[in-house]
Protein backbone atom coordinates (compact mmCIF):
# COMPACT_ATOMS: atom_id res chain seq x y z
CA MET A 1 -18.48 10.07 -15.44
CA ASN A 2 -17.44 8.61 -18.48
CA GLU A 3 -13.93 11.77 -18.14
CA ALA A 4 -13.91 11.36 -15.08
CA LEU A 5 -12.97 7.82 -15.36
CA GLU A 6 -11.22 8.24 -18.08
CA ARG A 7 -8.24 11.00 -16.73
CA CYS A 8 -8.00 7.99 -13.17
CA ARG A 9 -7.31 5.32 -16.26
CA GLU A 10 -4.43 7.35 -16.78
CA ILE A 11 -3.27 7.82 -13.87
CA LEU A 12 -3.03 4.65 -13.23
CA ALA A 13 -1.09 4.14 -16.85
CA ARG A 14 0.75 6.42 -16.31
CA SER A 15 1.78 4.61 -12.83
CA GLY A 16 3.48 1.43 -13.76
CA SER A 17 2.22 0.43 -10.64
CA SER A 18 2.11 -3.96 -9.75
CA PHE A 19 -1.83 -2.72 -9.22
CA ALA A 20 -2.24 -2.02 -12.89
CA THR A 21 -1.08 -5.54 -13.73
CA ALA A 22 -3.89 -7.09 -11.23
CA PHE A 23 -6.19 -4.75 -12.01
CA ARG A 24 -6.65 -6.15 -15.48
CA ILE A 25 -8.37 -9.90 -13.74
CA LEU A 26 -11.65 -7.70 -11.98
CA PRO A 27 -14.97 -7.08 -13.43
CA ALA A 28 -15.86 -3.84 -14.98
CA GLU A 29 -17.65 -2.24 -12.35
CA GLN A 30 -14.63 -3.23 -9.26
CA ARG A 31 -12.06 -2.01 -12.43
CA ASP A 32 -13.07 1.43 -12.14
CA ALA A 33 -13.81 1.44 -8.47
CA LEU A 34 -10.06 0.51 -7.52
CA THR A 35 -8.60 2.55 -10.49
CA ALA A 36 -10.73 5.34 -8.69
CA PHE A 37 -8.95 4.86 -5.04
CA TYR A 38 -6.04 4.73 -7.40
CA ALA A 39 -5.83 7.76 -9.12
CA PHE A 40 -6.99 9.44 -5.16
CA CYS A 41 -3.60 7.91 -3.89
CA ARG A 42 -1.53 8.87 -6.80
CA ALA A 43 -3.00 12.16 -6.82
CA VAL A 44 -2.53 13.02 -3.09
CA ASP A 45 0.94 11.36 -3.13
CA ASP A 46 1.69 13.74 -6.43
CA ASP A 47 0.15 16.95 -4.82
CA VAL A 48 2.41 16.82 -1.54
CA ASP A 49 5.30 15.87 -3.57
CA GLU A 50 5.72 19.03 -5.94
CA SER A 51 5.52 20.74 -3.17
CA THR A 52 8.66 21.92 -1.38
CA ASP A 53 7.29 23.20 1.92
CA PRO A 54 5.52 21.14 4.84
CA ALA A 55 2.97 24.31 4.97
CA GLU A 56 2.01 23.66 1.40
CA ALA A 57 1.55 20.57 1.29
CA ALA A 58 -0.46 19.96 4.76
CA ARG A 59 -2.81 22.67 2.84
CA ARG A 60 -3.00 20.46 0.25
CA ILE A 61 -4.08 17.44 2.32
CA ASP A 62 -6.08 19.73 3.95
CA ALA A 63 -7.88 20.44 0.96
CA TRP A 64 -8.17 16.73 0.04
CA ARG A 65 -9.75 16.03 3.27
CA ARG A 66 -13.00 18.14 2.10
CA ARG A 67 -12.71 17.02 -1.20
CA ILE A 68 -13.78 14.08 1.18
CA ASP A 69 -16.16 15.26 3.26
CA ARG A 70 -17.73 16.94 0.00
CA LEU A 71 -17.38 13.66 -2.94
CA ASP A 72 -21.19 13.67 -3.63
CA GLU A 73 -20.70 17.38 -4.59
CA ALA A 74 -17.46 17.22 -7.17
CA GLY A 75 -17.49 18.75 -10.10
CA PRO A 76 -15.98 18.13 -13.50
CA GLY A 77 -13.25 19.84 -12.38
CA GLU A 78 -12.60 17.25 -10.46
CA PRO A 79 -12.28 14.24 -11.86
CA VAL A 80 -10.36 12.01 -9.50
CA ALA A 81 -12.56 12.99 -6.54
CA ALA A 82 -15.54 13.00 -8.98
CA CYS A 83 -15.04 9.17 -9.91
CA LEU A 84 -14.18 8.64 -6.30
CA GLY A 85 -17.28 10.06 -5.08
CA TRP A 86 -19.19 7.28 -7.28
CA ALA A 87 -17.03 4.27 -6.21
CA ALA A 88 -17.67 5.42 -2.73
CA GLU A 89 -22.08 5.94 -3.12
CA ARG A 90 -21.68 2.36 -5.81
CA PHE A 91 -19.67 0.42 -2.88
CA GLY A 92 -20.37 1.86 0.28
CA LEU A 93 -16.48 3.01 0.75
CA GLU A 94 -15.73 4.52 4.64
CA ARG A 95 -14.50 8.00 4.55
CA ARG A 96 -12.57 7.40 7.85
CA HIS A 97 -10.87 5.16 5.48
CA LEU A 98 -9.74 7.32 3.49
CA HIS A 99 -8.75 9.95 5.93
CA LEU A 100 -6.61 6.89 7.27
CA VAL A 101 -4.70 7.68 3.73
CA LEU A 102 -3.87 11.55 4.34
CA ASP A 103 -3.31 10.67 7.75
CA GLY A 104 -0.52 8.52 6.22
CA VAL A 105 0.52 11.12 3.30
CA GLU A 106 0.99 13.56 6.21
CA THR A 107 3.49 11.50 8.66
CA ASP A 108 5.82 11.88 5.75
CA LEU A 109 5.64 15.02 6.17
CA ARG A 110 7.86 15.33 8.77
CA PRO A 111 11.20 13.70 9.96
CA ILE A 112 10.43 10.43 10.30
CA ARG A 113 11.45 8.64 13.12
CA PHE A 114 9.33 5.47 14.81
CA GLU A 115 10.81 4.82 18.75
CA THR A 116 8.31 1.38 19.05
CA PHE A 117 7.14 -0.84 16.49
CA GLY A 118 3.97 -0.06 17.87
CA GLN A 119 4.27 2.75 16.25
CA LEU A 120 5.39 2.42 13.12
CA TYR A 121 2.36 -0.81 12.79
CA ASP A 122 0.35 2.25 13.39
CA TYR A 123 2.23 4.32 10.37
CA CYS A 124 1.45 0.87 8.29
CA TYR A 125 -1.88 0.67 9.05
CA ARG A 126 -2.95 4.55 7.71
CA VAL A 127 -1.42 3.87 5.06
CA ALA A 128 -1.59 0.59 3.28
CA SER A 129 -4.07 -1.47 5.83
CA ALA A 130 -6.39 1.35 5.31
CA VAL A 131 -5.96 0.49 1.04
CA GLY A 132 -6.48 -3.11 2.29
CA LEU A 133 -9.87 -1.91 3.75
CA VAL A 134 -10.84 -0.33 1.04
CA CYS A 135 -10.17 -2.97 -1.62
CA VAL A 136 -12.07 -5.52 0.29
CA ARG A 137 -15.34 -3.01 0.92
CA VAL A 138 -15.17 -2.93 -2.96
CA LEU A 139 -14.57 -6.48 -3.44
CA ALA A 140 -16.57 -8.45 -0.48
CA GLY A 141 -19.64 -5.99 -0.39
CA PRO A 142 -21.67 -6.91 2.79
CA GLU A 143 -19.09 -9.50 3.86
CA ALA A 144 -16.23 -7.19 3.47
CA GLY A 145 -16.55 -6.65 7.98
CA ARG A 146 -15.41 -10.74 8.18
CA ALA A 147 -12.24 -9.49 5.15
CA GLU A 148 -11.46 -6.61 7.80
CA THR A 149 -8.71 -8.54 9.71
CA TYR A 150 -7.01 -10.43 6.34
CA ALA A 151 -6.79 -7.06 5.04
CA GLU A 152 -5.71 -4.90 7.82
CA LEU A 153 -2.29 -7.32 8.16
CA THR A 154 -2.10 -7.95 4.50
CA GLY A 155 -1.20 -4.22 4.54
CA ILE A 156 1.04 -4.16 7.67
CA ALA A 157 3.11 -7.33 5.58
CA VAL A 158 2.67 -4.77 2.26
CA GLN A 159 3.93 -1.90 4.00
CA LEU A 160 6.76 -3.47 6.42
CA THR A 161 8.16 -4.69 2.79
CA ASN A 162 8.13 -1.32 1.46
CA VAL A 163 10.02 -0.28 4.54
CA LEU A 164 12.79 -3.00 3.97
CA ARG A 165 12.73 -2.66 0.08
CA ASP A 166 13.44 1.59 0.45
CA VAL A 167 15.58 1.02 3.07
CA GLY A 168 19.04 3.16 1.23
CA GLU A 169 16.29 5.15 -0.46
CA ASP A 170 14.48 6.72 2.66
CA SER A 171 17.96 7.43 4.12
CA ARG A 172 18.90 9.45 1.23
CA LYS A 173 16.37 11.41 2.36
CA GLY A 174 17.01 11.10 6.01
CA ARG A 175 14.23 8.91 6.80
CA ILE A 176 14.46 5.99 8.84
CA TYR A 177 10.64 3.82 9.21
CA LEU A 178 13.14 0.85 10.88
CA PRO A 179 12.07 1.77 14.80
CA LEU A 180 14.89 2.50 17.21
CA GLU A 181 14.68 0.07 19.77
CA ASP A 182 14.88 -2.43 16.93
CA LEU A 183 18.50 -0.39 16.25
CA ARG A 184 19.24 -0.14 19.88
CA ALA A 185 18.95 -4.12 20.46
CA PHE A 186 20.76 -5.38 17.37
CA GLY A 187 23.69 -2.41 18.02
CA VAL A 188 22.94 -0.14 15.03
CA PRO A 189 23.43 3.65 15.14
CA GLU A 190 21.22 5.61 13.38
CA THR A 191 24.79 6.50 11.29
CA ASP A 192 25.01 3.61 9.88
CA ILE A 193 21.38 3.38 8.31
CA LEU A 194 21.66 7.34 6.98
CA PHE A 195 25.29 6.16 5.78
CA ARG A 196 24.17 2.99 3.76
CA LEU A 197 27.00 0.76 5.84
CA ARG A 198 26.37 -2.40 6.07
CA THR A 199 27.70 -4.46 9.04
CA PRO A 200 26.94 -7.47 10.42
CA GLN A 201 24.59 -5.66 12.96
CA VAL A 202 22.50 -4.16 10.42
CA GLU A 203 22.71 -7.15 7.97
CA ARG A 204 21.33 -9.60 11.56
CA LEU A 205 19.15 -6.23 11.65
CA LEU A 206 17.66 -6.30 8.24
CA ARG A 207 17.30 -10.08 8.34
CA PHE A 208 15.33 -9.78 11.47
CA GLN A 209 12.78 -7.16 9.38
CA ALA A 210 12.60 -9.78 6.59
CA ARG A 211 11.24 -12.28 9.41
CA ARG A 212 8.75 -9.38 10.69
CA ALA A 213 7.30 -9.18 7.34
CA ALA A 214 6.75 -12.65 6.57
CA ASP A 215 5.47 -13.17 9.91
CA TYR A 216 2.42 -11.03 8.84
CA TYR A 217 1.76 -12.46 5.78
CA GLU A 218 1.44 -15.89 7.20
CA LEU A 219 -1.04 -14.77 9.60
CA ALA A 220 -2.26 -12.27 6.74
CA GLY A 221 -3.33 -15.54 4.81
CA ALA A 222 -4.63 -17.28 7.82
CA ALA A 223 -7.10 -14.70 8.93
CA LEU A 224 -8.76 -15.25 4.59
CA PRO A 225 -12.54 -16.67 5.19
CA PRO A 226 -12.15 -19.71 3.08
CA ASP A 227 -15.97 -18.52 1.48
CA LEU A 228 -14.50 -15.16 0.12
CA ARG A 229 -11.43 -16.49 -1.14
CA PRO A 230 -13.52 -16.30 -4.66
CA ARG A 231 -14.08 -13.11 -4.26
CA LEU A 232 -10.97 -11.38 -2.74
CA PHE A 233 -8.32 -13.17 -5.45
CA PHE A 234 -7.53 -9.54 -6.35
CA ALA A 235 -6.78 -8.78 -3.45
CA GLU A 236 -4.77 -12.55 -2.79
CA THR A 237 -2.82 -11.52 -5.75
CA LEU A 238 -1.71 -8.38 -4.31
CA ARG A 239 -0.45 -10.02 -0.86
CA VAL A 240 1.35 -12.83 -3.59
CA THR A 241 3.11 -10.65 -5.53
CA TYR A 242 4.29 -9.07 -2.52
CA ARG A 243 5.14 -11.67 -0.18
CA ARG A 244 7.41 -12.81 -3.70
CA LEU A 245 8.82 -9.40 -3.87
CA LEU A 246 9.95 -10.48 -0.30
CA GLU A 247 11.11 -13.73 -0.89
CA ARG A 248 13.50 -11.85 -3.80
CA ILE A 249 15.36 -9.63 -1.70
CA GLU A 250 15.91 -11.88 0.72
CA ALA A 251 17.14 -14.54 -2.08
CA ASP A 252 19.24 -11.82 -3.41
CA GLY A 253 21.14 -11.01 0.11
CA LEU A 254 18.85 -8.40 0.95
CA PRO A 255 21.00 -5.52 -1.53
CA VAL A 256 18.45 -2.78 -0.10
CA LEU A 257 21.03 -0.31 0.99
CA GLU A 258 22.35 -0.47 -2.37
CA ARG A 259 19.47 -0.60 -4.53
CA ARG A 260 15.68 -1.30 -4.89
CA VAL A 261 15.18 -4.74 -6.10
CA ALA A 262 11.29 -5.60 -7.90
CA VAL A 263 9.30 -8.80 -9.12
CA PRO A 264 9.77 -8.50 -13.05
CA LEU A 265 6.78 -7.66 -15.11
CA LEU A 266 5.60 -11.21 -16.34
CA GLU A 267 6.38 -13.42 -13.32
CA ARG A 268 3.16 -10.32 -11.52
CA VAL A 269 1.25 -11.49 -14.51
CA ALA A 270 1.59 -14.80 -13.87
CA ILE A 271 1.14 -14.83 -10.15
CA ALA A 272 -2.39 -12.67 -11.62
CA LEU A 273 -3.63 -15.14 -13.75
CA ARG A 274 -2.69 -18.09 -11.34
CA HIS A 275 -4.86 -16.34 -8.93
CA ARG A 276 -7.74 -15.80 -10.82
CA LEU A 277 -7.80 -19.38 -12.14
CA ASP A 278 -7.36 -20.71 -9.53
CA PRO A 279 -10.04 -24.12 -8.90
CA ARG A 280 -10.86 -22.70 -5.69
CA THR A 281 -11.97 -19.15 -7.69
CA LEU A 282 -13.77 -20.85 -10.13
CA ALA A 283 -15.93 -22.86 -8.33
CA ALA A 284 -17.87 -19.90 -6.42
């Protein structure tokens, strides 16, 4: 188990993810469980990204499905699965949430177009809300059921922010995650997104998407049971960090067609420390 966990820690350390900063404020067992889960998500993404053949990528996802179904049998040759199996047993992780992550990754193997916001919501649920549901299971234990709405809405808000941040980057791959019904409502042809044209119509469309994401951050915050706040300070750290990312995107004039906006490391650390030292957390 120690070697498997060390491998997962290496994957997290190399990622440069915001998660790596926030993980440091967690108690040891929770940190190790979420490190294993993060390593699983990263390993699946890497397996798919390394394959230029969609059929081969789909086979690799199917291989992960089989691993999830037999986590308790994972051996030394499967360190990420072995570590995830320990986390699943220790914290009662639900296999369906792990399968949802794979469903989301599999969606990205196909040309991306969502006709409606409902379809985009379903995608966000698979790739981000499922992550939140795993996190609250680790953080809140038996009380996790009371935080599922909070986890779902936080995941939606975070993924909507990612969609907005990556509009330009995704367009270079021929992908448009923004709902086509929204493009039509704002008079934006797909070609304007694909060629990254900053027209007044595109500007209004992006501002609308930013406001929608902001609404979900507010809904998620309202759905957090106050008595669970001490246990979920880590989840709140992530919610506030991504909320800050959205604010920076808006403050910078929505430059998402040209470049990727990020929250600086020191600011991420400050957010993590502030939530860990929140008097409402320390009182628990």
